Amino acid sequence: MPKGPARSLRVADQIQRELAEIIRTELKDPRVAMITLTGVEVTNDYSHAKVFYTLMGDAEQRAETEIGLNKANGFLRSQIARRIKLHSIPQLHFVYDASVERGFELSRLIDEAVADSKEPRD
C-alpha cells in the first residue's frame, strides 16, 4: 500500500520544525544565524528533502549562508536522524526562497503607485 501524501506532508512539516530548532539552538556557524525556514518538500520515497529558507540580507550574505548550510548538512542530517524515526533520513538540499523578497518588492511598488495616484494633477 503506497504511503499517502498526508504522511509526506507530516514528515516534511516535522523535518522543518526539527531543523529550525537545531539551527536555532545547536548550530554554531555564524553564517547561518538569522535564517527562516519557509518550507520543506520531501520526495515520495523520503530520499531527498528540499529545505526552503529566507533571510534578510544582500547577495553576499545569501551566498555565505548557503555555504554554511551546505557545510553543516551532515551535522543537520545526523541530528534529524536522532529526532525523527524514519527508515532512511533524506538528503537535505537547501534552496533560497525569494518569495518573501518578491513580496516586499511588490508591496513597495504598490505603495509607490498609491502615493503617485494621490498627488495633485495639473
PDB file of N, CA and C in Angstrom:
ATOM      1  N   MET A   1       0.842  -1.183   0.000  1.00  0.00           N
ATOM      2  CA  MET A   1       0.000   0.000   0.000  1.00  0.00           C
ATOM      3  C   MET A   1       0.887   1.245   0.000  1.00  0.00           C
ATOM      4  N   PRO A   2       0.722   2.159  -0.986  1.00  0.00           N
ATOM      5  CA  PRO A   2       1.591   3.326  -1.071  1.00  0.00           C
ATOM      6  C   PRO A   2       1.329   4.300   0.075  1.00  0.00           C
ATOM      7  N   LYS A   3       2.394   4.977   0.455  1.00  0.00           N
ATOM      8  CA  LYS A   3       2.270   5.981   1.503  1.00  0.00           C
ATOM      9  C   LYS A   3       1.564   7.196   0.920  1.00  0.00           C
ATOM     10  N   GLY A   4       0.609   7.711   1.623  1.00  0.00           N
ATOM     11  CA  GLY A   4      -0.191   8.822   1.119  1.00  0.00           C
ATOM     12  C   GLY A   4       0.516  10.158   1.221  1.00  0.00           C
ATOM     13  N   PRO A   5      -0.002  11.124   0.480  1.00  0.00           N
ATOM     14  CA  PRO A   5       0.599  12.461   0.515  1.00  0.00           C
ATOM     15  C   PRO A   5       0.480  13.107   1.892  1.00  0.00           C
ATOM     16  N   ALA A   6      -0.518  12.702   2.678  1.00  0.00           N
ATOM     17  CA  ALA A   6      -0.668  13.270   4.018  1.00  0.00           C
ATOM     18  C   ALA A   6       0.548  12.927   4.879  1.00  0.00           C
ATOM     19  N   ARG A   7       1.055  11.709   4.762  1.00  0.00           N
ATOM     20  CA  ARG A   7       2.235  11.326   5.549  1.00  0.00           C
ATOM     21  C   ARG A   7       3.454  12.112   5.090  1.00  0.00           C
ATOM     22  N   SER A   8       3.610  12.297   3.777  1.00  0.00           N
ATOM     23  CA  SER A   8       4.736  13.081   3.268  1.00  0.00           C
ATOM     24  C   SER A   8       4.688  14.507   3.809  1.00  0.00           C
ATOM     25  N   LEU A   9       3.497  15.066   3.872  1.00  0.00           N
ATOM     26  CA  LEU A   9       3.350  16.423   4.403  1.00  0.00           C
ATOM     27  C   LEU A   9       3.701  16.470   5.891  1.00  0.00           C
ATOM     28  N   ARG A  10       3.270  15.455   6.640  1.00  0.00           N
ATOM     29  CA  ARG A  10       3.599  15.411   8.072  1.00  0.00           C
ATOM     30  C   ARG A  10       5.106  15.265   8.286  1.00  0.00           C
ATOM     31  N   VAL A  11       5.737  14.405   7.487  1.00  0.00           N
ATOM     32  CA  VAL A  11       7.183  14.210   7.603  1.00  0.00           C
ATOM     33  C   VAL A  11       7.907  15.516   7.251  1.00  0.00           C
ATOM     34  N   ALA A  12       7.489  16.164   6.173  1.00  0.00           N
ATOM     35  CA  ALA A  12       8.106  17.433   5.768  1.00  0.00           C
ATOM     36  C   ALA A  12       7.943  18.483   6.859  1.00  0.00           C
ATOM     37  N   ASP A  13       6.755  18.550   7.439  1.00  0.00           N
ATOM     38  CA  ASP A  13       6.491  19.521   8.499  1.00  0.00           C
ATOM     39  C   ASP A  13       7.356  19.233   9.723  1.00  0.00           C
ATOM     40  N   GLN A  14       7.493  17.973  10.068  1.00  0.00           N
ATOM     41  CA  GLN A  14       8.317  17.614  11.219  1.00  0.00           C
ATOM     42  C   GLN A  14       9.790  17.922  10.959  1.00  0.00           C
ATOM     43  N   ILE A  15      10.257  17.639   9.745  1.00  0.00           N
ATOM     44  CA  ILE A  15      11.642  17.965   9.387  1.00  0.00           C
ATOM     45  C   ILE A  15      11.859  19.466   9.510  1.00  0.00           C
ATOM     46  N   GLN A  16      10.915  20.264   9.022  1.00  0.00           N
ATOM     47  CA  GLN A  16      11.048  21.720   9.096  1.00  0.00           C
ATOM     48  C   GLN A  16      11.136  22.184  10.552  1.00  0.00           C
ATOM     49  N   ARG A  17      10.246  21.687  11.399  1.00  0.00           N
ATOM     50  CA  ARG A  17      10.256  22.087  12.820  1.00  0.00           C
ATOM     51  C   ARG A  17      11.572  21.694  13.500  1.00  0.00           C
ATOM     52  N   GLU A  18      12.000  20.456  13.253  1.00  0.00           N
ATOM     53  CA  GLU A  18      13.227  19.979  13.902  1.00  0.00           C
ATOM     54  C   GLU A  18      14.454  20.744  13.405  1.00  0.00           C
ATOM     55  N   LEU A  19      14.533  20.958  12.092  1.00  0.00           N
ATOM     56  CA  LEU A  19      15.668  21.709  11.548  1.00  0.00           C
ATOM     57  C   LEU A  19      15.719  23.124  12.109  1.00  0.00           C
ATOM     58  N   ALA A  20      14.567  23.782  12.195  1.00  0.00           N
ATOM     59  CA  ALA A  20      14.529  25.149  12.734  1.00  0.00           C
ATOM     60  C   ALA A  20      15.070  25.163  14.156  1.00  0.00           C
ATOM     61  N   GLU A  21      14.666  24.183  14.941  1.00  0.00           N
ATOM     62  CA  GLU A  21      15.123  24.097  16.329  1.00  0.00           C
ATOM     63  C   GLU A  21      16.625  23.807  16.394  1.00  0.00           C
ATOM     64  N   ILE A  22      17.098  22.883  15.574  1.00  0.00           N
ATOM     65  CA  ILE A  22      18.527  22.525  15.564  1.00  0.00           C
ATOM     66  C   ILE A  22      19.363  23.734  15.148  1.00  0.00           C
ATOM     67  N   ILE A  23      18.944  24.419  14.092  1.00  0.00           N
ATOM     68  CA  ILE A  23      19.696  25.587  13.621  1.00  0.00           C
ATOM     69  C   ILE A  23      19.719  26.664  14.704  1.00  0.00           C
ATOM     70  N   ARG A  24      18.586  26.863  15.361  1.00  0.00           N
ATOM     71  CA  ARG A  24      18.482  27.918  16.371  1.00  0.00           C
ATOM     72  C   ARG A  24      19.303  27.604  17.621  1.00  0.00           C
ATOM     73  N   THR A  25      19.305  26.346  18.054  1.00  0.00           N
ATOM     74  CA  THR A  25      19.906  26.032  19.346  1.00  0.00           C
ATOM     75  C   THR A  25      21.257  25.315  19.289  1.00  0.00           C
ATOM     76  N   GLU A  26      21.542  24.584  18.222  1.00  0.00           N
ATOM     77  CA  GLU A  26      22.741  23.742  18.226  1.00  0.00           C
ATOM     78  C   GLU A  26      23.790  24.113  17.188  1.00  0.00           C
ATOM     79  N   LEU A  27      23.380  24.750  16.106  1.00  0.00           N
ATOM     80  CA  LEU A  27      24.332  25.074  15.049  1.00  0.00           C
ATOM     81  C   LEU A  27      25.100  26.333  15.426  1.00  0.00           C
ATOM     82  N   LYS A  28      26.400  26.240  15.429  1.00  0.00           N
ATOM     83  CA  LYS A  28      27.242  27.347  15.891  1.00  0.00           C
ATOM     84  C   LYS A  28      27.829  28.191  14.758  1.00  0.00           C
ATOM     85  N   ASP A  29      27.501  27.881  13.523  1.00  0.00           N
ATOM     86  CA  ASP A  29      28.055  28.604  12.378  1.00  0.00           C
ATOM     87  C   ASP A  29      27.395  29.978  12.272  1.00  0.00           C
ATOM     88  N   PRO A  30      28.156  31.071  12.410  1.00  0.00           N
ATOM     89  CA  PRO A  30      27.563  32.420  12.353  1.00  0.00           C
ATOM     90  C   PRO A  30      26.979  32.770  10.984  1.00  0.00           C
ATOM     91  N   ARG A  31      27.387  32.048   9.943  1.00  0.00           N
ATOM     92  CA  ARG A  31      26.837  32.321   8.602  1.00  0.00           C
ATOM     93  C   ARG A  31      25.378  31.907   8.503  1.00  0.00           C
ATOM     94  N   VAL A  32      24.931  31.062   9.418  1.00  0.00           N
ATOM     95  CA  VAL A  32      23.584  30.517   9.366  1.00  0.00           C
ATOM     96  C   VAL A  32      22.763  31.038  10.555  1.00  0.00           C
ATOM     97  N   ALA A  33      23.072  32.235  11.005  1.00  0.00           N
ATOM     98  CA  ALA A  33      22.461  32.739  12.231  1.00  0.00           C
ATOM     99  C   ALA A  33      21.007  33.185  12.059  1.00  0.00           C
ATOM    100  N   MET A  34      20.723  33.974  11.073  1.00  0.00           N
ATOM    101  CA  MET A  34      19.415  34.628  11.009  1.00  0.00           C
ATOM    102  C   MET A  34      18.600  34.169   9.798  1.00  0.00           C
ATOM    103  N   ILE A  35      18.328  32.882   9.706  1.00  0.00           N
ATOM    104  CA  ILE A  35      17.518  32.400   8.593  1.00  0.00           C
ATOM    105  C   ILE A  35      16.156  31.949   9.101  1.00  0.00           C
ATOM    106  N   THR A  36      15.211  31.941   8.193  1.00  0.00           N
ATOM    107  CA  THR A  36      13.880  31.430   8.478  1.00  0.00           C
ATOM    108  C   THR A  36      13.591  30.315   7.487  1.00  0.00           C
ATOM    109  N   LEU A  37      13.206  29.157   7.992  1.00  0.00           N
ATOM    110  CA  LEU A  37      12.822  28.055   7.110  1.00  0.00           C
ATOM    111  C   LEU A  37      11.372  28.283   6.697  1.00  0.00           C
ATOM    112  N   THR A  38      11.134  28.335   5.388  1.00  0.00           N
ATOM    113  CA  THR A  38       9.789  28.639   4.895  1.00  0.00           C
ATOM    114  C   THR A  38       9.039  27.403   4.425  1.00  0.00           C
ATOM    115  N   GLY A  39       9.724  26.282   4.284  1.00  0.00           N
ATOM    116  CA  GLY A  39       9.039  25.071   3.861  1.00  0.00           C
ATOM    117  C   GLY A  39      10.005  23.938   3.582  1.00  0.00           C
ATOM    118  N   VAL A  40       9.450  22.748   3.539  1.00  0.00           N
ATOM    119  CA  VAL A  40      10.226  21.551   3.201  1.00  0.00           C
ATOM    120  C   VAL A  40       9.364  20.704   2.278  1.00  0.00           C
ATOM    121  N   GLU A  41       9.962  20.212   1.208  1.00  0.00           N
ATOM    122  CA  GLU A  41       9.290  19.276   0.297  1.00  0.00           C
ATOM    123  C   GLU A  41      10.082  17.976   0.311  1.00  0.00           C
ATOM    124  N   VAL A  42       9.399  16.873   0.570  1.00  0.00           N
ATOM    125  CA  VAL A  42      10.040  15.565   0.650  1.00  0.00           C
ATOM    126  C   VAL A  42       9.584  14.730  -0.542  1.00  0.00           C
ATOM    127  N   THR A  43      10.528  14.007  -1.157  1.00  0.00           N
ATOM    128  CA  THR A  43      10.155  13.113  -2.258  1.00  0.00           C
ATOM    129  C   THR A  43       9.330  11.955  -1.701  1.00  0.00           C
ATOM    130  N   ASN A  44       8.612  11.283  -2.571  1.00  0.00           N
ATOM    131  CA  ASN A  44       7.732  10.189  -2.146  1.00  0.00           C
ATOM    132  C   ASN A  44       8.462   9.070  -1.413  1.00  0.00           C
ATOM    133  N   ASP A  45       9.701   8.825  -1.792  1.00  0.00           N
ATOM    134  CA  ASP A  45      10.464   7.752  -1.135  1.00  0.00           C
ATOM    135  C   ASP A  45      11.304   8.264   0.045  1.00  0.00           C
ATOM    136  N   TYR A  46      11.150   9.531   0.390  1.00  0.00           N
ATOM    137  CA  TYR A  46      11.840  10.160   1.517  1.00  0.00           C
ATOM    138  C   TYR A  46      13.361  10.172   1.361  1.00  0.00           C
ATOM    139  N   SER A  47      13.849  10.068   0.144  1.00  0.00           N
ATOM    140  CA  SER A  47      15.298  10.049  -0.051  1.00  0.00           C
ATOM    141  C   SER A  47      15.887  11.459  -0.166  1.00  0.00           C
ATOM    142  N   HIS A  48      15.060  12.430  -0.512  1.00  0.00           N
ATOM    143  CA  HIS A  48      15.534  13.810  -0.657  1.00  0.00           C
ATOM    144  C   HIS A  48      14.518  14.773  -0.062  1.00  0.00           C
ATOM    145  N   ALA A  49      15.043  15.862   0.498  1.00  0.00           N
ATOM    146  CA  ALA A  49      14.178  16.906   1.032  1.00  0.00           C
ATOM    147  C   ALA A  49      14.727  18.258   0.598  1.00  0.00           C
ATOM    148  N   LYS A  50      13.883  19.050  -0.065  1.00  0.00           N
ATOM    149  CA  LYS A  50      14.246  20.425  -0.383  1.00  0.00           C
ATOM    150  C   LYS A  50      13.845  21.271   0.814  1.00  0.00           C
ATOM    151  N   VAL A  51      14.801  22.003   1.344  1.00  0.00           N
ATOM    152  CA  VAL A  51      14.550  22.859   2.501  1.00  0.00           C
ATOM    153  C   VAL A  51      14.636  24.310   2.019  1.00  0.00           C
ATOM    154  N   PHE A  52      13.496  24.982   2.031  1.00  0.00           N
ATOM    155  CA  PHE A  52      13.437  26.366   1.562  1.00  0.00           C
ATOM    156  C   PHE A  52      13.670  27.304   2.733  1.00  0.00           C
ATOM    157  N   TYR A  53      14.528  28.308   2.501  1.00  0.00           N
ATOM    158  CA  TYR A  53      14.842  29.256   3.569  1.00  0.00           C
ATOM    159  C   TYR A  53      14.890  30.666   3.003  1.00  0.00           C
ATOM    160  N   THR A  54      14.779  31.631   3.901  1.00  0.00           N
ATOM    161  CA  THR A  54      14.903  33.025   3.514  1.00  0.00           C
ATOM    162  C   THR A  54      15.691  33.748   4.598  1.00  0.00           C
ATOM    163  N   LEU A  55      16.231  34.901   4.244  1.00  0.00           N
ATOM    164  CA  LEU A  55      16.944  35.735   5.197  1.00  0.00           C
ATOM    165  C   LEU A  55      16.946  37.160   4.685  1.00  0.00           C
ATOM    166  N   MET A  56      17.109  38.070   5.596  1.00  0.00           N
ATOM    167  CA  MET A  56      17.239  39.468   5.211  1.00  0.00           C
ATOM    168  C   MET A  56      18.720  39.733   5.001  1.00  0.00           C
ATOM    169  N   GLY A  57      19.070  40.142   3.815  1.00  0.00           N
ATOM    170  CA  GLY A  57      20.470  40.412   3.535  1.00  0.00           C
ATOM    171  C   GLY A  57      20.703  40.507   2.050  1.00  0.00           C
ATOM    172  N   ASP A  58      21.919  40.865   1.710  1.00  0.00           N
ATOM    173  CA  ASP A  58      22.265  41.030   0.299  1.00  0.00           C
ATOM    174  C   ASP A  58      22.745  39.702  -0.289  1.00  0.00           C
ATOM    175  N   ALA A  59      23.123  39.759  -1.558  1.00  0.00           N
ATOM    176  CA  ALA A  59      23.541  38.547  -2.272  1.00  0.00           C
ATOM    177  C   ALA A  59      24.759  37.904  -1.614  1.00  0.00           C
ATOM    178  N   GLU A  60      25.663  38.716  -1.087  1.00  0.00           N
ATOM    179  CA  GLU A  60      26.864  38.176  -0.444  1.00  0.00           C
ATOM    180  C   GLU A  60      26.486  37.392   0.821  1.00  0.00           C
ATOM    181  N   GLN A  61      25.560  37.923   1.614  1.00  0.00           N
ATOM    182  CA  GLN A  61      25.115  37.218   2.817  1.00  0.00           C
ATOM    183  C   GLN A  61      24.394  35.925   2.451  1.00  0.00           C
ATOM    184  N   ARG A  62      23.594  35.966   1.375  1.00  0.00           N
ATOM    185  CA  ARG A  62      22.907  34.749   0.931  1.00  0.00           C
ATOM    186  C   ARG A  62      23.917  33.685   0.525  1.00  0.00           C
ATOM    187  N   ALA A  63      24.964  34.096  -0.184  1.00  0.00           N
ATOM    188  CA  ALA A  63      25.996  33.149  -0.617  1.00  0.00           C
ATOM    189  C   ALA A  63      26.715  32.547   0.589  1.00  0.00           C
ATOM    190  N   GLU A  64      27.050  33.372   1.577  1.00  0.00           N
ATOM    191  CA  GLU A  64      27.712  32.880   2.789  1.00  0.00           C
ATOM    192  C   GLU A  64      26.802  31.911   3.547  1.00  0.00           C
ATOM    193  N   THR A  65      25.520  32.237   3.629  1.00  0.00           N
ATOM    194  CA  THR A  65      24.570  31.369   4.320  1.00  0.00           C
ATOM    195  C   THR A  65      24.463  30.028   3.610  1.00  0.00           C
ATOM    196  N   GLU A  66      24.422  30.058   2.276  1.00  0.00           N
ATOM    197  CA  GLU A  66      24.344  28.813   1.517  1.00  0.00           C
ATOM    198  C   GLU A  66      25.572  27.945   1.773  1.00  0.00           C
ATOM    199  N   ILE A  67      26.746  28.554   1.816  1.00  0.00           N
ATOM    200  CA  ILE A  67      27.977  27.811   2.111  1.00  0.00           C
ATOM    201  C   ILE A  67      27.891  27.194   3.506  1.00  0.00           C
ATOM    202  N   GLY A  68      27.434  27.983   4.470  1.00  0.00           N
ATOM    203  CA  GLY A  68      27.304  27.493   5.842  1.00  0.00           C
ATOM    204  C   GLY A  68      26.330  26.339   5.955  1.00  0.00           C
ATOM    205  N   LEU A  69      25.174  26.464   5.278  1.00  0.00           N
ATOM    206  CA  LEU A  69      24.178  25.387   5.317  1.00  0.00           C
ATOM    207  C   LEU A  69      24.723  24.108   4.688  1.00  0.00           C
ATOM    208  N   ASN A  70      25.385  24.249   3.550  1.00  0.00           N
ATOM    209  CA  ASN A  70      25.928  23.063   2.886  1.00  0.00           C
ATOM    210  C   ASN A  70      27.039  22.417   3.716  1.00  0.00           C
ATOM    211  N   LYS A  71      27.840  23.240   4.407  1.00  0.00           N
ATOM    212  CA  LYS A  71      28.895  22.700   5.264  1.00  0.00           C
ATOM    213  C   LYS A  71      28.294  21.961   6.461  1.00  0.00           C
ATOM    214  N   ALA A  72      27.167  22.463   6.968  1.00  0.00           N
ATOM    215  CA  ALA A  72      26.523  21.862   8.145  1.00  0.00           C
ATOM    216  C   ALA A  72      25.569  20.725   7.779  1.00  0.00           C
ATOM    217  N   ASN A  73      25.436  20.419   6.505  1.00  0.00           N
ATOM    218  CA  ASN A  73      24.460  19.452   6.026  1.00  0.00           C
ATOM    219  C   ASN A  73      24.547  18.111   6.757  1.00  0.00           C
ATOM    220  N   GLY A  74      25.737  17.567   6.871  1.00  0.00           N
ATOM    221  CA  GLY A  74      25.914  16.272   7.535  1.00  0.00           C
ATOM    222  C   GLY A  74      25.504  16.317   8.999  1.00  0.00           C
ATOM    223  N   PHE A  75      25.899  17.377   9.697  1.00  0.00           N
ATOM    224  CA  PHE A  75      25.519  17.548  11.100  1.00  0.00           C
ATOM    225  C   PHE A  75      24.008  17.646  11.234  1.00  0.00           C
ATOM    226  N   LEU A  76      23.376  18.474  10.375  1.00  0.00           N
ATOM    227  CA  LEU A  76      21.925  18.651  10.437  1.00  0.00           C
ATOM    228  C   LEU A  76      21.199  17.331  10.177  1.00  0.00           C
ATOM    229  N   ARG A  77      21.677  16.610   9.202  1.00  0.00           N
ATOM    230  CA  ARG A  77      21.059  15.325   8.852  1.00  0.00           C
ATOM    231  C   ARG A  77      21.196  14.324  10.009  1.00  0.00           C
ATOM    232  N   SER A  78      22.358  14.294  10.645  1.00  0.00           N
ATOM    233  CA  SER A  78      22.546  13.360  11.766  1.00  0.00           C
ATOM    234  C   SER A  78      21.653  13.738  12.949  1.00  0.00           C
ATOM    235  N   GLN A  79      21.455  15.032  13.170  1.00  0.00           N
ATOM    236  CA  GLN A  79      20.570  15.469  14.255  1.00  0.00           C
ATOM    237  C   GLN A  79      19.112  15.127  13.946  1.00  0.00           C
ATOM    238  N   ILE A  80      18.732  15.259  12.677  1.00  0.00           N
ATOM    239  CA  ILE A  80      17.373  14.867  12.259  1.00  0.00           C
ATOM    240  C   ILE A  80      17.180  13.370  12.513  1.00  0.00           C
ATOM    241  N   ALA A  81      18.201  12.579  12.196  1.00  0.00           N
ATOM    242  CA  ALA A  81      18.115  11.125  12.384  1.00  0.00           C
ATOM    243  C   ALA A  81      17.893  10.766  13.851  1.00  0.00           C
ATOM    244  N   ARG A  82      18.440  11.548  14.756  1.00  0.00           N
ATOM    245  CA  ARG A  82      18.262  11.283  16.191  1.00  0.00           C
ATOM    246  C   ARG A  82      16.853  11.629  16.654  1.00  0.00           C
ATOM    247  N   ARG A  83      16.226  12.594  15.981  1.00  0.00           N
ATOM    248  CA  ARG A  83      14.946  13.115  16.454  1.00  0.00           C
ATOM    249  C   ARG A  83      13.734  12.502  15.751  1.00  0.00           C
ATOM    250  N   ILE A  84      13.906  12.054  14.514  1.00  0.00           N
ATOM    251  CA  ILE A  84      12.783  11.540  13.734  1.00  0.00           C
ATOM    252  C   ILE A  84      13.058  10.079  13.393  1.00  0.00           C
ATOM    253  N   LYS A  85      12.086   9.257  13.627  1.00  0.00           N
ATOM    254  CA  LYS A  85      12.238   7.828  13.335  1.00  0.00           C
ATOM    255  C   LYS A  85      11.729   7.541  11.922  1.00  0.00           C
ATOM    256  N   LEU A  86      12.660   7.492  10.984  1.00  0.00           N
ATOM    257  CA  LEU A  86      12.359   7.142   9.593  1.00  0.00           C
ATOM    258  C   LEU A  86      13.302   6.023   9.176  1.00  0.00           C
ATOM    259  N   HIS A  87      12.852   5.237   8.204  1.00  0.00           N
ATOM    260  CA  HIS A  87      13.698   4.150   7.682  1.00  0.00           C
ATOM    261  C   HIS A  87      15.005   4.714   7.135  1.00  0.00           C
ATOM    262  N   SER A  88      14.912   5.799   6.376  1.00  0.00           N
ATOM    263  CA  SER A  88      16.116   6.477   5.886  1.00  0.00           C
ATOM    264  C   SER A  88      15.895   7.983   5.991  1.00  0.00           C
ATOM    265  N   ILE A  89      16.941   8.663   6.368  1.00  0.00           N
ATOM    266  CA  ILE A  89      16.869  10.119   6.531  1.00  0.00           C
ATOM    267  C   ILE A  89      17.189  10.753   5.179  1.00  0.00           C
ATOM    268  N   PRO A  90      16.345  11.682   4.718  1.00  0.00           N
ATOM    269  CA  PRO A  90      16.552  12.258   3.386  1.00  0.00           C
ATOM    270  C   PRO A  90      17.814  13.115   3.285  1.00  0.00           C
ATOM    271  N   GLN A  91      18.375  13.132   2.082  1.00  0.00           N
ATOM    272  CA  GLN A  91      19.443  14.080   1.774  1.00  0.00           C
ATOM    273  C   GLN A  91      18.817  15.471   1.797  1.00  0.00           C
ATOM    274  N   LEU A  92      19.491  16.428   2.420  1.00  0.00           N
ATOM    275  CA  LEU A  92      18.954  17.778   2.517  1.00  0.00           C
ATOM    276  C   LEU A  92      19.515  18.643   1.397  1.00  0.00           C
ATOM    277  N   HIS A  93      18.630  19.356   0.722  1.00  0.00           N
ATOM    278  CA  HIS A  93      19.015  20.282  -0.343  1.00  0.00           C
ATOM    279  C   HIS A  93      18.449  21.642   0.026  1.00  0.00           C
ATOM    280  N   PHE A  94      19.320  22.612   0.279  1.00  0.00           N
ATOM    281  CA  PHE A  94      18.872  23.933   0.706  1.00  0.00           C
ATOM    282  C   PHE A  94      18.637  24.826  -0.502  1.00  0.00           C
ATOM    283  N   VAL A  95      17.467  25.482  -0.523  1.00  0.00           N
ATOM    284  CA  VAL A  95      17.055  26.313  -1.655  1.00  0.00           C
ATOM    285  C   VAL A  95      16.615  27.665  -1.108  1.00  0.00           C
ATOM    286  N   TYR A  96      17.233  28.731  -1.615  1.00  0.00           N
ATOM    287  CA  TYR A  96      16.834  30.075  -1.178  1.00  0.00           C
ATOM    288  C   TYR A  96      15.434  30.382  -1.696  1.00  0.00           C
ATOM    289  N   ASP A  97      14.571  30.851  -0.825  1.00  0.00           N
ATOM    290  CA  ASP A  97      13.185  31.178  -1.160  1.00  0.00           C
ATOM    291  C   ASP A  97      13.072  32.690  -1.315  1.00  0.00           C
ATOM    292  N   ALA A  98      12.951  33.138  -2.554  1.00  0.00           N
ATOM    293  CA  ALA A  98      12.892  34.576  -2.831  1.00  0.00           C
ATOM    294  C   ALA A  98      11.478  35.132  -2.748  1.00  0.00           C
ATOM    295  N   SER A  99      10.497  34.334  -2.378  1.00  0.00           N
ATOM    296  CA  SER A  99       9.106  34.802  -2.386  1.00  0.00           C
ATOM    297  C   SER A  99       8.881  35.946  -1.398  1.00  0.00           C
ATOM    298  N   VAL A 100       9.527  35.902  -0.240  1.00  0.00           N
ATOM    299  CA  VAL A 100       9.367  36.982   0.733  1.00  0.00           C
ATOM    300  C   VAL A 100       9.937  38.274   0.166  1.00  0.00           C
ATOM    301  N   GLU A 101      11.109  38.156  -0.430  1.00  0.00           N
ATOM    302  CA  GLU A 101      11.749  39.313  -1.066  1.00  0.00           C
ATOM    303  C   GLU A 101      10.858  39.896  -2.161  1.00  0.00           C
ATOM    304  N   ARG A 102      10.287  39.031  -3.002  1.00  0.00           N
ATOM    305  CA  ARG A 102       9.383  39.488  -4.066  1.00  0.00           C
ATOM    306  C   ARG A 102       8.148  40.157  -3.475  1.00  0.00           C
ATOM    307  N   GLY A 103       7.662  39.625  -2.369  1.00  0.00           N
ATOM    308  CA  GLY A 103       6.501  40.212  -1.702  1.00  0.00           C
ATOM    309  C   GLY A 103       6.789  41.620  -1.216  1.00  0.00           C
ATOM    310  N   PHE A 104       7.966  41.830  -0.606  1.00  0.00           N
ATOM    311  CA  PHE A 104       8.346  43.178  -0.167  1.00  0.00           C
ATOM    312  C   PHE A 104       8.449  44.129  -1.353  1.00  0.00           C
ATOM    313  N   GLU A 105       9.032  43.647  -2.439  1.00  0.00           N
ATOM    314  CA  GLU A 105       9.180  44.489  -3.635  1.00  0.00           C
ATOM    315  C   GLU A 105       7.815  44.853  -4.216  1.00  0.00           C
ATOM    316  N   LEU A 106       6.913  43.893  -4.311  1.00  0.00           N
ATOM    317  CA  LEU A 106       5.565  44.182  -4.818  1.00  0.00           C
ATOM    318  C   LEU A 106       4.840  45.166  -3.905  1.00  0.00           C
ATOM    319  N   SER A 107       4.983  45.002  -2.612  1.00  0.00           N
ATOM    320  CA  SER A 107       4.353  45.912  -1.663  1.00  0.00           C
ATOM    321  C   SER A 107       4.891  47.328  -1.838  1.00  0.00           C
ATOM    322  N   ARG A 108       6.199  47.442  -2.031  1.00  0.00           N
ATOM    323  CA  ARG A 108       6.815  48.760  -2.241  1.00  0.00           C
ATOM    324  C   ARG A 108       6.277  49.398  -3.516  1.00  0.00           C
ATOM    325  N   LEU A 109       6.170  48.611  -4.582  1.00  0.00           N
ATOM    326  CA  LEU A 109       5.662  49.143  -5.848  1.00  0.00           C
ATOM    327  C   LEU A 109       4.204  49.586  -5.718  1.00  0.00           C
ATOM    328  N   ILE A 110       3.420  48.825  -4.992  1.00  0.00           N
ATOM    329  CA  ILE A 110       2.017  49.202  -4.773  1.00  0.00           C
ATOM    330  C   ILE A 110       1.941  50.496  -3.979  1.00  0.00           C
ATOM    331  N   ASP A 111       2.755  50.600  -2.923  1.00  0.00           N
ATOM    332  CA  ASP A 111       2.773  51.828  -2.130  1.00  0.00           C
ATOM    333  C   ASP A 111       3.155  53.034  -2.984  1.00  0.00           C
ATOM    334  N   GLU A 112       4.142  52.858  -3.860  1.00  0.00           N
ATOM    335  CA  GLU A 112       4.539  53.947  -4.765  1.00  0.00           C
ATOM    336  C   GLU A 112       3.394  54.330  -5.691  1.00  0.00           C
ATOM    337  N   ALA A 113       2.725  53.343  -6.253  1.00  0.00           N
ATOM    338  CA  ALA A 113       1.631  53.616  -7.176  1.00  0.00           C
ATOM    339  C   ALA A 113       0.486  54.349  -6.468  1.00  0.00           C
ATOM    340  N   VAL A 114       0.180  53.949  -5.246  1.00  0.00           N
ATOM    341  CA  VAL A 114      -0.872  54.614  -4.471  1.00  0.00           C
ATOM    342  C   VAL A 114      -0.475  56.052  -4.172  1.00  0.00           C
ATOM    343  N   ALA A 115       0.789  56.242  -3.776  1.00  0.00           N
ATOM    344  CA  ALA A 115       1.268  57.596  -3.468  1.00  0.00           C
ATOM    345  C   ALA A 115       1.235  58.481  -4.714  1.00  0.00           C
ATOM    346  N   ASP A 116       1.602  57.923  -5.871  1.00  0.00           N
ATOM    347  CA  ASP A 116       1.558  58.691  -7.123  1.00  0.00           C
ATOM    348  C   ASP A 116       0.142  59.054  -7.498  1.00  0.00           C
ATOM    349  N   SER A 117      -0.809  58.183  -7.233  1.00  0.00           N
ATOM    350  CA  SER A 117      -2.202  58.457  -7.620  1.00  0.00           C
ATOM    351  C   SER A 117      -2.827  59.524  -6.722  1.00  0.00           C
ATOM    352  N   LYS A 118      -2.281  59.746  -5.546  1.00  0.00           N
ATOM    353  CA  LYS A 118      -2.815  60.751  -4.629  1.00  0.00           C
ATOM    354  C   LYS A 118      -2.243  62.143  -4.871  1.00  0.00           C
ATOM    355  N   GLU A 119      -1.173  62.230  -5.657  1.00  0.00           N
ATOM    356  CA  GLU A 119      -0.578  63.540  -5.943  1.00  0.00           C
ATOM    357  C   GLU A 119      -1.534  64.359  -6.797  1.00  0.00           C
ATOM    358  N   PRO A 120      -1.614  65.668  -6.531  1.00  0.00           N
ATOM    359  CA  PRO A 120      -2.499  66.510  -7.347  1.00  0.00           C
ATOM    360  C   PRO A 120      -2.044  66.571  -8.800  1.00  0.00           C
ATOM    361  N   ARG A 121      -3.009  66.564  -9.678  1.00  0.00           N
ATOM    362  CA  ARG A 121      -2.693  66.608 -11.112  1.00  0.00           C
ATOM    363  C   ARG A 121      -2.829  68.046 -11.598  1.00  0.00           C
ATOM    364  N   ASP A 122      -2.041  68.412 -12.591  1.00  0.00           N
ATOM    365  CA  ASP A 122      -2.076  69.780 -13.147  1.00  0.00           C
ATOM    366  C   ASP A 122      -3.292  70.005 -13.991  1.00  0.00           C
TER     367      ASP A 122
END
